[in-house]
Amino acid sequence: MKKLIMGSSLVAALALLSACGSDSGDDEISVITFADAGWESIRVHNAIAQFIIENGYEYETETTMGSTAITVQGLRDGDINAYMEIWTDNIRELYDESIESEEIIEVSTNFDDNVQGLYVPTYVIEGDEERGIEPMAPDLRTVEDLANYPEVFQDPEDSSMGRILNAPSDWAVHEDMSIKFETYGLGDTFNLFSPGSDSAMVIDLVRAYEAGEGWVGYYWEPTGITAQYDLTLLEEAPYDEEQWNEDRSTEFPPNDVTVAVNQHLPDQAPEVVEFLENYETSSELTEVALAYMEEDGLSEEEAAMRWMEEHQDLWTSWLPDDIADKVLDAME
């Protein structure tokens, strides 16, 4: 969904993956490598899957970090073996090409109830009596309505304009949001700003939220931020493929977030692939783990362990009884 490497770093990352070699064609594998494309939820799902694989199936695991494009290419090449969270419609052409070439295999849908778009704190529309905040934009409902409220979302570097936060420029969704900005004619009253990273977006949002100020920007669910803070997704027309392809003036397409593996992993570790074929959660379940991180300051690995403790009925159903027992023993 997001890209973290760009420019010369892209070349360096590709060279690194090539230098590491590939497991493609090998009949045996000792280390299973997961993609880390840079956001919290994929790291939580990696941690869950890695703990199960290490303790249930006794393989070593590791992760390789890079942009969406880099890690998907690594999956195609066999330098990465498994990818727990591919936001397929954000990279539709690349994903379809990878599936059609049979270089990767989609084994399950992790979740398909996610959303993304432009968010505002709910107090901007409804106010917050407990915090003494009056509604700032009571008639704000749609993305198009933003044009009427630039003063609510004032650009700190240009007081005559509002500011909308785009995704970082090296994320796959950045171009979609830039097209939406033009399509909705927001450039007359707003500047479109691209932060350098997810963490920069979060810092900006949390600062504004804690201060009770106006804020509008791209975000998505499930995330720890949307689990912790009361945000409202601004409305757009229902998704229509033809209209989306023309000018992006609809909701984002339905986005199956899939689990995929390199073409050789079913031969190298068939029992692991069988487990991944059963791996299925939801946005709500994912946000539970992310909330542990935001509210309790846990790492992705710690949040994954708490999630496993509280959802044993679910993840043990993905496994043969003997494997589930080994994993449960390891948790004690």
C-alpha atoms as a PDB file:
ATOM      1  CA  MET A   1       0.000   0.000   0.000  1.00  0.00           C
ATOM      2  CA  LYS A   2       2.884   2.388   0.780  1.00  0.00           C
ATOM      3  CA  LYS A   3       6.301   2.816  -0.709  1.00  0.00           C
ATOM      4  CA  LEU A   4       9.295   3.611   1.450  1.00  0.00           C
ATOM      5  CA  ILE A   5      12.245   3.553  -0.930  1.00  0.00           C
ATOM      6  CA  MET A   6      12.742   5.934  -3.841  1.00  0.00           C
ATOM      7  CA  GLY A   7      15.354   7.291  -6.218  1.00  0.00           C
ATOM      8  CA  SER A   8      18.869   5.933  -5.707  1.00  0.00           C
ATOM      9  CA  SER A   9      17.609   3.921  -2.738  1.00  0.00           C
ATOM     10  CA  LEU A  10      15.408   1.984  -5.156  1.00  0.00           C
ATOM     11  CA  VAL A  11      18.438   0.907  -7.164  1.00  0.00           C
ATOM     12  CA  ALA A  12      20.362   0.024  -4.022  1.00  0.00           C
ATOM     13  CA  ALA A  13      17.494  -2.044  -2.644  1.00  0.00           C
ATOM     14  CA  LEU A  14      17.141  -3.973  -5.894  1.00  0.00           C
ATOM     15  CA  ALA A  15      20.852  -4.672  -5.889  1.00  0.00           C
ATOM     16  CA  LEU A  16      20.669  -5.857  -2.291  1.00  0.00           C
ATOM     17  CA  LEU A  17      17.832  -8.247  -3.062  1.00  0.00           C
ATOM     18  CA  SER A  18      19.744  -9.627  -6.039  1.00  0.00           C
ATOM     19  CA  ALA A  19      22.901 -10.021  -3.980  1.00  0.00           C
ATOM     20  CA  CYS A  20      21.018 -11.969  -1.354  1.00  0.00           C
ATOM     21  CA  GLY A  21      20.182 -14.633  -3.856  1.00  0.00           C
ATOM     22  CA  SER A  22      16.902 -16.435  -4.285  1.00  0.00           C
ATOM     23  CA  ASP A  23      15.337 -19.620  -3.032  1.00  0.00           C
ATOM     24  CA  SER A  24      13.566 -20.116  -6.363  1.00  0.00           C
ATOM     25  CA  GLY A  25      14.079 -23.623  -7.630  1.00  0.00           C
ATOM     26  CA  ASP A  26      15.379 -24.978  -4.325  1.00  0.00           C
ATOM     27  CA  ASP A  27      13.530 -28.032  -3.042  1.00  0.00           C
ATOM     28  CA  GLU A  28      14.277 -27.210   0.584  1.00  0.00           C
ATOM     29  CA  ILE A  29      14.127 -24.017   2.545  1.00  0.00           C
ATOM     30  CA  SER A  30      15.341 -23.283   6.058  1.00  0.00           C
ATOM     31  CA  VAL A  31      14.459 -19.599   6.437  1.00  0.00           C
ATOM     32  CA  ILE A  32      11.121 -18.103   5.377  1.00  0.00           C
ATOM     33  CA  THR A  33      11.381 -14.410   4.554  1.00  0.00           C
ATOM     34  CA  PHE A  34       8.425 -12.045   4.958  1.00  0.00           C
ATOM     35  CA  ALA A  35       7.877  -8.664   3.319  1.00  0.00           C
ATOM     36  CA  ASP A  36       7.856  -5.589   5.534  1.00  0.00           C
ATOM     37  CA  ALA A  37       6.444  -2.787   3.380  1.00  0.00           C
ATOM     38  CA  GLY A  38       6.630  -0.272   6.195  1.00  0.00           C
ATOM     39  CA  TRP A  39       3.302   0.035   7.991  1.00  0.00           C
ATOM     40  CA  GLU A  40       2.119  -1.224  11.362  1.00  0.00           C
ATOM     41  CA  SER A  41      -0.561  -3.719  10.396  1.00  0.00           C
ATOM     42  CA  ILE A  42       1.666  -5.724   8.055  1.00  0.00           C
ATOM     43  CA  ARG A  43       4.238  -5.945  10.847  1.00  0.00           C
ATOM     44  CA  VAL A  44       1.621  -7.247  13.273  1.00  0.00           C
ATOM     45  CA  HIS A  45       0.463  -9.898  10.803  1.00  0.00           C
ATOM     46  CA  ASN A  46       4.097 -10.781  10.102  1.00  0.00           C
ATOM     47  CA  ALA A  47       4.711 -11.215  13.826  1.00  0.00           C
ATOM     48  CA  ILE A  48       1.692 -13.509  14.228  1.00  0.00           C
ATOM     49  CA  ALA A  49       2.627 -15.650  11.239  1.00  0.00           C
ATOM     50  CA  GLN A  50       6.324 -15.757  12.170  1.00  0.00           C
ATOM     51  CA  PHE A  51       5.626 -16.878  15.730  1.00  0.00           C
ATOM     52  CA  ILE A  52       3.354 -19.656  14.482  1.00  0.00           C
ATOM     53  CA  ILE A  53       5.808 -20.791  11.805  1.00  0.00           C
ATOM     54  CA  GLU A  54       8.848 -20.689  14.073  1.00  0.00           C
ATOM     55  CA  ASN A  55       7.214 -22.527  16.975  1.00  0.00           C
ATOM     56  CA  GLY A  56       4.718 -24.712  15.164  1.00  0.00           C
ATOM     57  CA  TYR A  57       6.590 -25.663  12.021  1.00  0.00           C
ATOM     58  CA  GLU A  58      10.166 -25.046  13.266  1.00  0.00           C
ATOM     59  CA  TYR A  59      11.346 -22.881  10.391  1.00  0.00           C
ATOM     60  CA  GLU A  60      13.459 -19.807  10.981  1.00  0.00           C
ATOM     61  CA  THR A  61      11.915 -16.565   9.739  1.00  0.00           C
ATOM     62  CA  GLU A  62      13.092 -13.067   8.886  1.00  0.00           C
ATOM     63  CA  THR A  63      11.756  -9.926   7.233  1.00  0.00           C
ATOM     64  CA  THR A  64      12.966  -7.780   4.348  1.00  0.00           C
ATOM     65  CA  MET A  65      11.934  -4.132   4.385  1.00  0.00           C
ATOM     66  CA  GLY A  66      11.315  -1.971   1.333  1.00  0.00           C
ATOM     67  CA  SER A  67       8.698  -0.161  -0.689  1.00  0.00           C
ATOM     68  CA  THR A  68       5.643  -1.944  -2.040  1.00  0.00           C
ATOM     69  CA  ALA A  69       7.245  -2.147  -5.485  1.00  0.00           C
ATOM     70  CA  ILE A  70      10.544  -3.473  -4.115  1.00  0.00           C
ATOM     71  CA  THR A  71       8.987  -6.082  -1.839  1.00  0.00           C
ATOM     72  CA  VAL A  72       6.523  -7.339  -4.452  1.00  0.00           C
ATOM     73  CA  GLN A  73       9.425  -7.689  -6.883  1.00  0.00           C
ATOM     74  CA  GLY A  74      11.322  -9.546  -4.168  1.00  0.00           C
ATOM     75  CA  LEU A  75       8.341 -11.869  -3.799  1.00  0.00           C
ATOM     76  CA  ARG A  76       8.306 -12.461  -7.552  1.00  0.00           C
ATOM     77  CA  ASP A  77      12.038 -13.218  -7.570  1.00  0.00           C
ATOM     78  CA  GLY A  78      11.949 -15.521  -4.552  1.00  0.00           C
ATOM     79  CA  ASP A  79      14.082 -13.313  -2.313  1.00  0.00           C
ATOM     80  CA  ILE A  80      10.896 -12.886  -0.262  1.00  0.00           C
ATOM     81  CA  ASN A  81       8.756 -15.958   0.364  1.00  0.00           C
ATOM     82  CA  ALA A  82       5.549 -14.605   1.896  1.00  0.00           C
ATOM     83  CA  TYR A  83       3.614 -11.341   1.920  1.00  0.00           C
ATOM     84  CA  MET A  84       0.929 -10.994   4.598  1.00  0.00           C
ATOM     85  CA  GLU A  85      -0.802  -7.815   3.466  1.00  0.00           C
ATOM     86  CA  ILE A  86      -0.898  -6.844  -0.211  1.00  0.00           C
ATOM     87  CA  TRP A  87      -3.310  -3.964  -0.865  1.00  0.00           C
ATOM     88  CA  THR A  88      -4.121  -5.301  -4.294  1.00  0.00           C
ATOM     89  CA  ASP A  89      -6.068  -2.463  -5.845  1.00  0.00           C
ATOM     90  CA  ASN A  90      -3.410   0.101  -4.976  1.00  0.00           C
ATOM     91  CA  ILE A  91      -0.987  -1.863  -7.185  1.00  0.00           C
ATOM     92  CA  ARG A  92      -3.509  -3.557  -9.474  1.00  0.00           C
ATOM     93  CA  GLU A  93      -1.385  -3.648 -12.644  1.00  0.00           C
ATOM     94  CA  LEU A  94       1.712  -4.937 -10.861  1.00  0.00           C
ATOM     95  CA  TYR A  95      -0.300  -7.447  -8.832  1.00  0.00           C
ATOM     96  CA  ASP A  96      -2.215  -8.842 -11.797  1.00  0.00           C
ATOM     97  CA  GLU A  97       0.977  -9.122 -13.803  1.00  0.00           C
ATOM     98  CA  SER A  98       2.651 -11.029 -10.958  1.00  0.00           C
ATOM     99  CA  ILE A  99      -0.294 -13.434 -10.629  1.00  0.00           C
ATOM    100  CA  GLU A 100      -0.653 -13.972 -14.374  1.00  0.00           C
ATOM    101  CA  SER A 101       3.058 -14.708 -14.736  1.00  0.00           C
ATOM    102  CA  GLU A 102       2.615 -17.304 -11.939  1.00  0.00           C
ATOM    103  CA  GLU A 103       5.599 -15.829 -10.135  1.00  0.00           C
ATOM    104  CA  ILE A 104       3.426 -15.337  -7.059  1.00  0.00           C
ATOM    105  CA  ILE A 105       0.389 -17.214  -5.786  1.00  0.00           C
ATOM    106  CA  GLU A 106      -2.479 -15.613  -3.897  1.00  0.00           C
ATOM    107  CA  VAL A 107      -3.283 -18.007  -1.071  1.00  0.00           C
ATOM    108  CA  SER A 108      -5.901 -16.132   0.974  1.00  0.00           C
ATOM    109  CA  THR A 109      -7.617 -12.829   1.664  1.00  0.00           C
ATOM    110  CA  ASN A 110      -6.392 -11.451   4.978  1.00  0.00           C
ATOM    111  CA  PHE A 111      -9.242  -8.912   5.109  1.00  0.00           C
ATOM    112  CA  ASP A 112     -11.501  -7.115   2.636  1.00  0.00           C
ATOM    113  CA  ASP A 113     -13.480  -4.675   4.797  1.00  0.00           C
ATOM    114  CA  ASN A 114     -10.947  -1.841   4.721  1.00  0.00           C
ATOM    115  CA  VAL A 115     -11.530   1.768   3.644  1.00  0.00           C
ATOM    116  CA  GLN A 116      -9.328   4.737   2.724  1.00  0.00           C
ATOM    117  CA  GLY A 117      -9.686   8.358   1.710  1.00  0.00           C
ATOM    118  CA  LEU A 118      -9.773  11.835   3.274  1.00  0.00           C
ATOM    119  CA  TYR A 119     -10.451  11.978   7.013  1.00  0.00           C
ATOM    120  CA  VAL A 120     -11.216  14.779   9.470  1.00  0.00           C
ATOM    121  CA  PRO A 121     -11.504  14.598  13.255  1.00  0.00           C
ATOM    122  CA  THR A 122     -15.177  14.095  14.031  1.00  0.00           C
ATOM    123  CA  TYR A 123     -15.164  17.129  16.337  1.00  0.00           C
ATOM    124  CA  VAL A 124     -14.608  19.301  13.259  1.00  0.00           C
ATOM    125  CA  ILE A 125     -18.161  18.416  12.164  1.00  0.00           C
ATOM    126  CA  GLU A 126     -19.943  17.650  15.432  1.00  0.00           C
ATOM    127  CA  GLY A 127     -17.919  19.508  18.038  1.00  0.00           C
ATOM    128  CA  ASP A 128     -16.881  17.955  21.344  1.00  0.00           C
ATOM    129  CA  GLU A 129     -18.784  19.198  24.382  1.00  0.00           C
ATOM    130  CA  GLU A 130     -16.438  17.561  26.875  1.00  0.00           C
ATOM    131  CA  ARG A 131     -13.463  19.366  25.346  1.00  0.00           C
ATOM    132  CA  GLY A 132     -15.330  22.608  24.809  1.00  0.00           C
ATOM    133  CA  ILE A 133     -14.995  22.417  21.033  1.00  0.00           C
ATOM    134  CA  GLU A 134     -17.745  23.913  18.892  1.00  0.00           C
ATOM    135  CA  PRO A 135     -18.476  22.464  15.425  1.00  0.00           C
ATOM    136  CA  MET A 136     -16.130  24.087  12.917  1.00  0.00           C
ATOM    137  CA  ALA A 137     -17.704  22.770   9.726  1.00  0.00           C
ATOM    138  CA  PRO A 138     -21.175  21.467  10.658  1.00  0.00           C
ATOM    139  CA  ASP A 139     -22.242  20.943   7.037  1.00  0.00           C
ATOM    140  CA  LEU A 140     -19.084  19.140   5.969  1.00  0.00           C
ATOM    141  CA  ARG A 141     -20.032  15.747   4.576  1.00  0.00           C
ATOM    142  CA  THR A 142     -18.242  15.184   1.273  1.00  0.00           C
ATOM    143  CA  VAL A 143     -14.796  15.742  -0.188  1.00  0.00           C
ATOM    144  CA  GLU A 144     -16.309  18.399  -2.458  1.00  0.00           C
ATOM    145  CA  ASP A 145     -17.640  20.265   0.600  1.00  0.00           C
ATOM    146  CA  LEU A 146     -14.057  20.927   1.703  1.00  0.00           C
ATOM    147  CA  ALA A 147     -13.852  23.784  -0.795  1.00  0.00           C
ATOM    148  CA  ASN A 148     -16.167  25.774   1.519  1.00  0.00           C
ATOM    149  CA  TYR A 149     -13.944  25.448   4.594  1.00  0.00           C
ATOM    150  CA  PRO A 150     -10.319  26.357   3.827  1.00  0.00           C
ATOM    151  CA  GLU A 151     -10.153  28.529   6.954  1.00  0.00           C
ATOM    152  CA  VAL A 152     -10.898  25.500   9.160  1.00  0.00           C
ATOM    153  CA  PHE A 153      -7.838  23.688   7.796  1.00  0.00           C
ATOM    154  CA  GLN A 154      -5.470  26.634   7.429  1.00  0.00           C
ATOM    155  CA  ASP A 155      -2.093  25.953   5.867  1.00  0.00           C
ATOM    156  CA  PRO A 156       0.494  26.952   8.517  1.00  0.00           C
ATOM    157  CA  GLU A 157       2.800  28.164   5.738  1.00  0.00           C
ATOM    158  CA  ASP A 158       0.138  30.013   3.704  1.00  0.00           C
ATOM    159  CA  SER A 159      -2.681  31.502   5.765  1.00  0.00           C
ATOM    160  CA  SER A 160      -4.708  32.383   2.651  1.00  0.00           C
ATOM    161  CA  MET A 161      -5.197  28.687   1.832  1.00  0.00           C
ATOM    162  CA  GLY A 162      -6.275  25.501   3.517  1.00  0.00           C
ATOM    163  CA  ARG A 163      -4.025  22.445   3.622  1.00  0.00           C
ATOM    164  CA  ILE A 164      -4.794  18.836   2.815  1.00  0.00           C
ATOM    165  CA  LEU A 165      -2.283  16.126   3.654  1.00  0.00           C
ATOM    166  CA  ASN A 166      -1.668  13.709   0.830  1.00  0.00           C
ATOM    167  CA  ALA A 167       0.071  10.383   1.293  1.00  0.00           C
ATOM    168  CA  PRO A 168       3.890  10.521   1.086  1.00  0.00           C
ATOM    169  CA  SER A 169       5.040  10.967  -2.497  1.00  0.00           C
ATOM    170  CA  ASP A 170       6.585   7.495  -2.736  1.00  0.00           C
ATOM    171  CA  TRP A 171       3.398   5.650  -1.722  1.00  0.00           C
ATOM    172  CA  ALA A 172       1.336   3.983  -4.420  1.00  0.00           C
ATOM    173  CA  VAL A 173      -1.808   5.908  -3.402  1.00  0.00           C
ATOM    174  CA  HIS A 174      -0.178   9.346  -3.718  1.00  0.00           C
ATOM    175  CA  GLU A 175      -1.048   9.676  -7.404  1.00  0.00           C
ATOM    176  CA  ASP A 176      -4.691   8.716  -6.788  1.00  0.00           C
ATOM    177  CA  MET A 177      -5.035  11.397  -4.130  1.00  0.00           C
ATOM    178  CA  SER A 178      -3.349  13.986  -6.336  1.00  0.00           C
ATOM    179  CA  ILE A 179      -5.835  13.255  -9.132  1.00  0.00           C
ATOM    180  CA  LYS A 180      -8.745  13.521  -6.688  1.00  0.00           C
ATOM    181  CA  PHE A 181      -7.460  16.916  -5.541  1.00  0.00           C
ATOM    182  CA  GLU A 182      -7.553  18.184  -9.121  1.00  0.00           C
ATOM    183  CA  THR A 183     -10.856  16.500  -9.985  1.00  0.00           C
ATOM    184  CA  TYR A 184     -12.689  18.058  -7.041  1.00  0.00           C
ATOM    185  CA  GLY A 185     -11.264  21.501  -7.831  1.00  0.00           C
ATOM    186  CA  LEU A 186      -9.723  21.904  -4.406  1.00  0.00           C
ATOM    187  CA  GLY A 187      -6.661  23.743  -5.690  1.00  0.00           C
ATOM    188  CA  ASP A 188      -8.510  27.080  -5.625  1.00  0.00           C
ATOM    189  CA  THR A 189      -8.747  27.083  -1.842  1.00  0.00           C
ATOM    190  CA  PHE A 190      -6.305  24.400  -0.654  1.00  0.00           C
ATOM    191  CA  ASN A 191      -2.671  23.429  -0.948  1.00  0.00           C
ATOM    192  CA  LEU A 192      -1.875  19.712  -1.189  1.00  0.00           C
ATOM    193  CA  PHE A 193       1.020  18.757   1.064  1.00  0.00           C
ATOM    194  CA  SER A 194       2.934  15.472   0.969  1.00  0.00           C
ATOM    195  CA  PRO A 195       4.557  14.481   4.286  1.00  0.00           C
ATOM    196  CA  GLY A 196       7.766  12.523   4.215  1.00  0.00           C
ATOM    197  CA  SER A 197       6.487   9.398   5.940  1.00  0.00           C
ATOM    198  CA  ASP A 198       3.626   7.696   7.755  1.00  0.00           C
ATOM    199  CA  SER A 199       5.110   8.819  11.068  1.00  0.00           C
ATOM    200  CA  ALA A 200       5.115  12.435   9.875  1.00  0.00           C
ATOM    201  CA  MET A 201       1.420  12.107   8.992  1.00  0.00           C
ATOM    202  CA  VAL A 202       0.636  10.661  12.402  1.00  0.00           C
ATOM    203  CA  ILE A 203       2.589  13.345  14.237  1.00  0.00           C
ATOM    204  CA  ASP A 204       0.738  16.066  12.341  1.00  0.00           C
ATOM    205  CA  LEU A 205      -2.665  14.481  12.966  1.00  0.00           C
ATOM    206  CA  VAL A 206      -2.073  13.805  16.661  1.00  0.00           C
ATOM    207  CA  ARG A 207      -0.754  17.339  17.238  1.00  0.00           C
ATOM    208  CA  ALA A 208      -3.863  18.861  15.631  1.00  0.00           C
ATOM    209  CA  TYR A 209      -6.216  16.436  17.382  1.00  0.00           C
ATOM    210  CA  GLU A 210      -4.779  17.032  20.837  1.00  0.00           C
ATOM    211  CA  ALA A 211      -5.001  20.790  20.225  1.00  0.00           C
ATOM    212  CA  GLY A 212      -8.586  20.536  18.966  1.00  0.00           C
ATOM    213  CA  GLU A 213      -7.651  22.073  15.627  1.00  0.00           C
ATOM    214  CA  GLY A 214      -8.899  21.419  12.123  1.00  0.00           C
ATOM    215  CA  TRP A 215      -7.074  18.703  10.171  1.00  0.00           C
ATOM    216  CA  VAL A 216      -7.837  16.918   6.903  1.00  0.00           C
ATOM    217  CA  GLY A 217      -5.744  14.333   5.151  1.00  0.00           C
ATOM    218  CA  TYR A 218      -5.388  10.918   3.603  1.00  0.00           C
ATOM    219  CA  TYR A 219      -5.596   7.926   5.899  1.00  0.00           C
ATOM    220  CA  TRP A 220      -6.959   4.425   5.895  1.00  0.00           C
ATOM    221  CA  GLU A 221      -8.394   1.678   8.075  1.00  0.00           C
ATOM    222  CA  PRO A 222      -7.376  -0.464   9.839  1.00  0.00           C
ATOM    223  CA  THR A 223      -4.707   1.486  11.701  1.00  0.00           C
ATOM    224  CA  GLY A 224      -3.860   2.217  15.291  1.00  0.00           C
ATOM    225  CA  ILE A 225      -4.698   5.876  14.734  1.00  0.00           C
ATOM    226  CA  THR A 226      -8.228   5.162  13.492  1.00  0.00           C
ATOM    227  CA  ALA A 227      -8.681   2.769  16.392  1.00  0.00           C
ATOM    228  CA  GLN A 228      -7.647   5.369  18.969  1.00  0.00           C
ATOM    229  CA  TYR A 229      -9.001   8.630  17.564  1.00  0.00           C
ATOM    230  CA  ASP A 230     -12.540   9.555  16.502  1.00  0.00           C
ATOM    231  CA  LEU A 231     -12.171  10.341  12.797  1.00  0.00           C
ATOM    232  CA  THR A 232     -14.762  10.699  10.025  1.00  0.00           C
ATOM    233  CA  LEU A 233     -14.163   9.570   6.448  1.00  0.00           C
ATOM    234  CA  LEU A 234     -15.500  12.197   4.047  1.00  0.00           C
ATOM    235  CA  GLU A 235     -18.043  10.865   1.576  1.00  0.00           C
ATOM    236  CA  GLU A 236     -17.583  10.323  -2.145  1.00  0.00           C
ATOM    237  CA  ALA A 237     -19.793   8.825  -4.826  1.00  0.00           C
ATOM    238  CA  PRO A 238     -20.044   5.029  -4.676  1.00  0.00           C
ATOM    239  CA  TYR A 239     -17.259   3.264  -6.500  1.00  0.00           C
ATOM    240  CA  ASP A 240     -17.759   3.007 -10.244  1.00  0.00           C
ATOM    241  CA  GLU A 241     -14.922   1.454 -12.233  1.00  0.00           C
ATOM    242  CA  GLU A 242     -15.345   3.569 -15.368  1.00  0.00           C
ATOM    243  CA  GLN A 243     -15.596   6.823 -13.422  1.00  0.00           C
ATOM    244  CA  TRP A 244     -12.684   5.883 -11.173  1.00  0.00           C
ATOM    245  CA  ASN A 245     -10.472   5.197 -14.168  1.00  0.00           C
ATOM    246  CA  GLU A 246     -11.477   8.516 -15.725  1.00  0.00           C
ATOM    247  CA  ASP A 247     -10.868  10.944 -12.858  1.00  0.00           C
ATOM    248  CA  ARG A 248     -10.900   9.153  -9.448  1.00  0.00           C
ATOM    249  CA  SER A 249     -14.172  10.938  -8.508  1.00  0.00           C
ATOM    250  CA  THR A 250     -15.575   7.994  -6.522  1.00  0.00           C
ATOM    251  CA  GLU A 251     -14.775   6.059  -3.400  1.00  0.00           C
ATOM    252  CA  PHE A 252     -11.657   3.940  -3.604  1.00  0.00           C
ATOM    253  CA  PRO A 253     -12.188   0.558  -5.265  1.00  0.00           C
ATOM    254  CA  PRO A 254     -12.917  -2.431  -3.038  1.00  0.00           C
ATOM    255  CA  ASN A 255      -9.467  -3.502  -1.936  1.00  0.00           C
ATOM    256  CA  ASP A 256      -8.860  -7.142  -1.134  1.00  0.00           C
ATOM    257  CA  VAL A 257      -5.860  -7.275   1.175  1.00  0.00           C
ATOM    258  CA  THR A 258      -4.342 -10.610   0.337  1.00  0.00           C
ATOM    259  CA  VAL A 259      -1.734 -13.064   1.517  1.00  0.00           C
ATOM    260  CA  ALA A 260       0.553 -14.184  -1.303  1.00  0.00           C
ATOM    261  CA  VAL A 261       3.610 -16.409  -1.614  1.00  0.00           C
ATOM    262  CA  ASN A 262       6.383 -16.966  -4.086  1.00  0.00           C
ATOM    263  CA  GLN A 263       5.590 -19.630  -6.652  1.00  0.00           C
ATOM    264  CA  HIS A 264       8.132 -22.054  -5.150  1.00  0.00           C
ATOM    265  CA  LEU A 265       6.995 -21.944  -1.524  1.00  0.00           C
ATOM    266  CA  PRO A 266       4.240 -24.601  -1.954  1.00  0.00           C
ATOM    267  CA  ASP A 267       6.975 -27.078  -2.909  1.00  0.00           C
ATOM    268  CA  GLN A 268       9.487 -25.800  -0.368  1.00  0.00           C
ATOM    269  CA  ALA A 269       7.174 -25.618   2.659  1.00  0.00           C
ATOM    270  CA  PRO A 270       3.733 -27.020   1.783  1.00  0.00           C
ATOM    271  CA  GLU A 271       2.595 -27.179   5.403  1.00  0.00           C
ATOM    272  CA  VAL A 272       3.352 -23.484   5.861  1.00  0.00           C
ATOM    273  CA  VAL A 273       1.402 -22.604   2.735  1.00  0.00           C
ATOM    274  CA  GLU A 274      -1.514 -24.664   4.023  1.00  0.00           C
ATOM    275  CA  PHE A 275      -1.467 -22.546   7.199  1.00  0.00           C
ATOM    276  CA  LEU A 276      -1.333 -19.308   5.168  1.00  0.00           C
ATOM    277  CA  GLU A 277      -4.263 -20.499   3.058  1.00  0.00           C
ATOM    278  CA  ASN A 278      -6.316 -20.495   6.270  1.00  0.00           C
ATOM    279  CA  TYR A 279      -5.087 -17.094   7.479  1.00  0.00           C
ATOM    280  CA  GLU A 280      -8.063 -14.729   7.529  1.00  0.00           C
ATOM    281  CA  THR A 281      -8.840 -11.794   9.815  1.00  0.00           C
ATOM    282  CA  SER A 282     -10.745  -8.510   9.367  1.00  0.00           C
ATOM    283  CA  SER A 283     -10.157  -4.781   9.681  1.00  0.00           C
ATOM    284  CA  GLU A 284     -11.782  -4.873  13.106  1.00  0.00           C
ATOM    285  CA  LEU A 285      -9.577  -7.713  14.317  1.00  0.00           C
ATOM    286  CA  THR A 286      -6.492  -6.007  12.945  1.00  0.00           C
ATOM    287  CA  GLU A 287      -7.383  -2.741  14.659  1.00  0.00           C
ATOM    288  CA  VAL A 288      -7.632  -4.586  17.977  1.00  0.00           C
ATOM    289  CA  ALA A 289      -3.916  -5.357  17.772  1.00  0.00           C
ATOM    290  CA  LEU A 290      -3.067  -1.872  16.538  1.00  0.00           C
ATOM    291  CA  ALA A 291      -4.983  -0.363  19.454  1.00  0.00           C
ATOM    292  CA  TYR A 292      -2.691  -2.236  21.849  1.00  0.00           C
ATOM    293  CA  MET A 293       0.211  -0.376  20.278  1.00  0.00           C
ATOM    294  CA  GLU A 294      -1.394   3.064  20.420  1.00  0.00           C
ATOM    295  CA  GLU A 295      -3.015   2.779  23.834  1.00  0.00           C
ATOM    296  CA  ASP A 296      -0.501   0.639  25.698  1.00  0.00           C
ATOM    297  CA  GLY A 297       2.732   1.441  23.887  1.00  0.00           C
ATOM    298  CA  LEU A 298       3.381  -2.138  22.783  1.00  0.00           C
ATOM    299  CA  SER A 299       5.677  -3.110  19.935  1.00  0.00           C
ATOM    300  CA  GLU A 300       4.258  -4.947  16.933  1.00  0.00           C
ATOM    301  CA  GLU A 301       5.584  -8.225  18.355  1.00  0.00           C
ATOM    302  CA  GLU A 302       4.101  -7.582  21.807  1.00  0.00           C
ATOM    303  CA  ALA A 303       0.769  -6.577  20.274  1.00  0.00           C
ATOM    304  CA  ALA A 304       0.780  -9.755  18.172  1.00  0.00           C
ATOM    305  CA  MET A 305       1.319 -11.900  21.262  1.00  0.00           C
ATOM    306  CA  ARG A 306      -1.495 -10.230  23.174  1.00  0.00           C
ATOM    307  CA  TRP A 307      -3.734 -10.604  20.137  1.00  0.00           C
ATOM    308  CA  MET A 308      -2.918 -14.311  19.966  1.00  0.00           C
ATOM    309  CA  GLU A 309      -3.644 -14.720  23.669  1.00  0.00           C
ATOM    310  CA  GLU A 310      -7.068 -13.125  23.253  1.00  0.00           C
ATOM    311  CA  HIS A 311      -8.019 -14.783  19.951  1.00  0.00           C
ATOM    312  CA  GLN A 312      -6.874 -18.366  20.437  1.00  0.00           C
ATOM    313  CA  ASP A 313     -10.088 -19.800  19.016  1.00  0.00           C
ATOM    314  CA  LEU A 314      -9.452 -18.033  15.720  1.00  0.00           C
ATOM    315  CA  TRP A 315      -5.789 -18.702  15.012  1.00  0.00           C
ATOM    316  CA  THR A 316      -5.819 -22.259  16.337  1.00  0.00           C
ATOM    317  CA  SER A 317      -8.562 -22.971  13.779  1.00  0.00           C
ATOM    318  CA  TRP A 318      -6.016 -22.212  11.063  1.00  0.00           C
ATOM    319  CA  LEU A 319      -3.753 -25.051  12.240  1.00  0.00           C
ATOM    320  CA  PRO A 320      -3.725 -28.825  12.733  1.00  0.00           C
ATOM    321  CA  ASP A 321      -4.231 -29.690  16.388  1.00  0.00           C
ATOM    322  CA  ASP A 322      -0.666 -30.844  16.945  1.00  0.00           C
ATOM    323  CA  ILE A 323       0.788 -27.653  15.486  1.00  0.00           C
ATOM    324  CA  ALA A 324      -1.621 -25.491  17.492  1.00  0.00           C
ATOM    325  CA  ASP A 325      -0.546 -27.309  20.667  1.00  0.00           C
ATOM    326  CA  LYS A 326       3.135 -26.591  19.951  1.00  0.00           C
ATOM    327  CA  VAL A 327       2.421 -22.911  19.451  1.00  0.00           C
ATOM    328  CA  LEU A 328       0.337 -22.737  22.623  1.00  0.00           C
ATOM    329  CA  ASP A 329       3.144 -24.403  24.566  1.00  0.00           C
ATOM    330  CA  ALA A 330       5.589 -21.800  23.221  1.00  0.00           C
ATOM    331  CA  MET A 331       3.299 -19.005  24.441  1.00  0.00           C
ATOM    332  CA  GLU A 332       3.341 -20.214  28.031  1.00  0.00           C
END
